[in-house]
C-alpha atoms as a PDB file:
ATOM      1  CA  MET A   1      -1.625  74.992  13.063  1.00  0.00           C
ATOM      2  CA  SER A   2       1.740  74.307  13.855  1.00  0.00           C
ATOM      3  CA  GLU A   3       0.859  72.768  17.358  1.00  0.00           C
ATOM      4  CA  ILE A   4      -1.343  70.356  15.177  1.00  0.00           C
ATOM      5  CA  LEU A   5       1.690  69.139  13.093  1.00  0.00           C
ATOM      6  CA  GLU A   6       3.980  69.258  16.203  1.00  0.00           C
ATOM      7  CA  ILE A   7       1.572  67.177  18.042  1.00  0.00           C
ATOM      8  CA  ALA A   8       1.706  64.625  14.776  1.00  0.00           C
ATOM      9  CA  MET A   9       5.063  64.469  14.973  1.00  0.00           C
ATOM     10  CA  VAL A  10       5.852  63.685  18.376  1.00  0.00           C
ATOM     11  CA  LEU A  11       2.369  61.009  17.818  1.00  0.00           C
ATOM     12  CA  ALA A  12       4.404  59.419  15.014  1.00  0.00           C
ATOM     13  CA  PHE A  13       7.680  59.309  16.982  1.00  0.00           C
ATOM     14  CA  GLY A  14       5.979  58.263  20.037  1.00  0.00           C
ATOM     15  CA  ALA A  15       3.678  55.679  18.867  1.00  0.00           C
ATOM     16  CA  SER A  16       6.019  52.424  19.112  1.00  0.00           C
ATOM     17  CA  TRP A  17       7.125  53.345  22.227  1.00  0.00           C
ATOM     18  CA  PRO A  18       4.474  51.646  24.396  1.00  0.00           C
ATOM     19  CA  MET A  19       5.071  48.463  21.992  1.00  0.00           C
ATOM     20  CA  ASN A  20       9.000  48.598  22.434  1.00  0.00           C
ATOM     21  CA  VAL A  21       8.763  48.925  26.284  1.00  0.00           C
ATOM     22  CA  MET A  22       6.570  45.691  26.124  1.00  0.00           C
ATOM     23  CA  LYS A  23       8.897  44.198  24.078  1.00  0.00           C
ATOM     24  CA  SER A  24      11.769  44.786  26.432  1.00  0.00           C
ATOM     25  CA  TYR A  25      10.182  43.973  29.345  1.00  0.00           C
ATOM     26  CA  LYS A  26       9.139  40.626  27.711  1.00  0.00           C
ATOM     27  CA  ALA A  27      12.330  39.629  26.078  1.00  0.00           C
ATOM     28  CA  ARG A  28      14.457  40.075  29.163  1.00  0.00           C
ATOM     29  CA  SER A  29      17.436  40.783  27.659  1.00  0.00           C
ATOM     30  CA  ALA A  30      19.157  43.893  26.297  1.00  0.00           C
ATOM     31  CA  LYS A  31      20.597  41.942  23.203  1.00  0.00           C
ATOM     32  CA  GLY A  32      20.137  44.099  20.410  1.00  0.00           C
ATOM     33  CA  LYS A  33      19.404  47.258  22.329  1.00  0.00           C
ATOM     34  CA  SER A  34      21.598  50.419  22.007  1.00  0.00           C
ATOM     35  CA  LEU A  35      21.819  52.439  25.302  1.00  0.00           C
ATOM     36  CA  SER A  36      23.210  55.493  23.452  1.00  0.00           C
ATOM     37  CA  PHE A  37      20.003  55.615  20.902  1.00  0.00           C
ATOM     38  CA  LEU A  38      17.791  55.412  23.814  1.00  0.00           C
ATOM     39  CA  LEU A  39      19.850  57.946  25.551  1.00  0.00           C
ATOM     40  CA  LEU A  40      20.011  60.109  22.219  1.00  0.00           C
ATOM     41  CA  ILE A  41      15.920  60.473  22.183  1.00  0.00           C
ATOM     42  CA  PHE A  42      15.369  61.197  25.648  1.00  0.00           C
ATOM     43  CA  VAL A  43      18.073  64.194  25.075  1.00  0.00           C
ATOM     44  CA  GLY A  44      16.110  65.158  22.323  1.00  0.00           C
ATOM     45  CA  TYR A  45      12.522  64.840  24.059  1.00  0.00           C
ATOM     46  CA  VAL A  46      14.378  67.112  26.699  1.00  0.00           C
ATOM     47  CA  ALA A  47      15.864  69.441  24.236  1.00  0.00           C
ATOM     48  CA  GLY A  48      11.940  69.885  22.804  1.00  0.00           C
ATOM     49  CA  ILE A  49      10.524  70.625  26.053  1.00  0.00           C
ATOM     50  CA  ALA A  50      12.928  72.906  27.007  1.00  0.00           C
ATOM     51  CA  SER A  51      12.331  74.832  23.678  1.00  0.00           C
ATOM     52  CA  LYS A  52       8.582  75.054  24.858  1.00  0.00           C
ATOM     53  CA  PHE A  53       9.776  76.500  28.092  1.00  0.00           C
ATOM     54  CA  THR A  54      11.962  79.092  26.441  1.00  0.00           C
ATOM     55  CA  ASN A  55       9.833  80.214  23.793  1.00  0.00           C
ATOM     56  CA  GLU A  56       8.299  83.634  25.065  1.00  0.00           C
ATOM     57  CA  ALA A  57       5.260  83.410  22.828  1.00  0.00           C
ATOM     58  CA  TYR A  58       4.955  79.690  23.495  1.00  0.00           C
ATOM     59  CA  MET A  59       4.647  80.862  27.307  1.00  0.00           C
ATOM     60  CA  ALA A  60       2.532  83.839  26.867  1.00  0.00           C
ATOM     61  CA  ALA A  61      -0.282  81.375  25.258  1.00  0.00           C
ATOM     62  CA  PHE A  62       0.400  78.362  27.395  1.00  0.00           C
ATOM     63  CA  ALA A  63      -2.968  78.250  29.074  1.00  0.00           C
ATOM     64  CA  GLN A  64      -4.483  77.470  25.864  1.00  0.00           C
ATOM     65  CA  LYS A  65      -1.566  75.224  24.252  1.00  0.00           C
ATOM     66  CA  TRP A  66      -0.167  73.275  26.962  1.00  0.00           C
ATOM     67  CA  TYR A  67      -1.807  70.211  25.415  1.00  0.00           C
ATOM     68  CA  VAL A  68       1.602  69.957  23.320  1.00  0.00           C
ATOM     69  CA  LEU A  69       3.598  69.537  26.223  1.00  0.00           C
ATOM     70  CA  VAL A  70       1.703  66.407  27.593  1.00  0.00           C
ATOM     71  CA  PHE A  71       2.740  64.356  24.093  1.00  0.00           C
ATOM     72  CA  TYR A  72       6.555  65.279  24.775  1.00  0.00           C
ATOM     73  CA  PHE A  73       6.213  64.457  28.578  1.00  0.00           C
ATOM     74  CA  ILE A  74       3.922  60.879  27.522  1.00  0.00           C
ATOM     75  CA  ASN A  75       7.074  60.177  25.248  1.00  0.00           C
ATOM     76  CA  ILE A  76       9.711  60.937  27.559  1.00  0.00           C
ATOM     77  CA  ALA A  77       7.841  58.548  30.144  1.00  0.00           C
ATOM     78  CA  MET A  78       7.886  55.802  27.587  1.00  0.00           C
ATOM     79  CA  VAL A  79      11.948  56.614  27.037  1.00  0.00           C
ATOM     80  CA  SER A  80      12.842  56.200  30.148  1.00  0.00           C
ATOM     81  CA  ALA A  81      10.706  53.470  31.086  1.00  0.00           C
ATOM     82  CA  ASP A  82      12.855  51.376  28.423  1.00  0.00           C
ATOM     83  CA  ILE A  83      16.075  52.785  29.772  1.00  0.00           C
ATOM     84  CA  LEU A  84      15.286  51.230  32.955  1.00  0.00           C
ATOM     85  CA  LEU A  85      14.175  47.866  31.422  1.00  0.00           C
ATOM     86  CA  TYR A  86      17.497  48.381  29.401  1.00  0.00           C
ATOM     87  CA  PHE A  87      19.583  47.867  32.672  1.00  0.00           C
ATOM     88  CA  ARG A  88      16.678  45.300  34.033  1.00  0.00           C
ATOM     89  CA  ASN A  89      17.944  43.237  31.286  1.00  0.00           C
ATOM     90  CA  ARG A  90      21.060  43.833  30.857  1.00  0.00           C
ATOM     91  CA  ALA A  91      21.774  42.587  34.563  1.00  0.00           C
ATOM     92  CA  LEU A  92      19.569  39.486  33.482  1.00  0.00           C
ATOM     93  CA  ASP A  93      21.863  38.704  30.839  1.00  0.00           C
ATOM     94  CA  LYS A  94      25.180  39.081  33.245  1.00  0.00           C
ATOM     95  CA  LYS A  95      23.277  36.863  35.380  1.00  0.00           C
ATOM     96  CA  ALA A  96      22.381  34.382  32.918  1.00  0.00           C
ATOM     97  CA  GLU A  97      26.096  34.292  31.766  1.00  0.00           C
ATOM     98  CA  ASN A  98      27.364  33.651  35.410  1.00  0.00           C
ATOM     99  CA  ALA A  99      24.963  30.599  35.467  1.00  0.00           C
ATOM    100  CA  GLU A 100      26.002  29.105  32.188  1.00  0.00           C
ATOM    101  CA  GLY A 101      30.132  30.101  32.961  1.00  0.00           C
END
């Protein structure tokens, strides 16, 4: 039961990431984005993944509970994509500033 609740939590946190990534891609601007926020979320997911790998009870039942980690990895992939888009968009912002000035 705790794994199902954990999946619900990770899904709730991660439900908006695909839309957020698409918004970042289409916006072509880093304005309004916080790199420190994105990195904090990334570190949180890494900590969640590490907690699974260091939990002896979880690892003992890994064959039956591997699916929990899948949701963490999907979310960390979405956050990683948004971080990459942040840097792309920041470069586009600088390019636009140079063209204006």
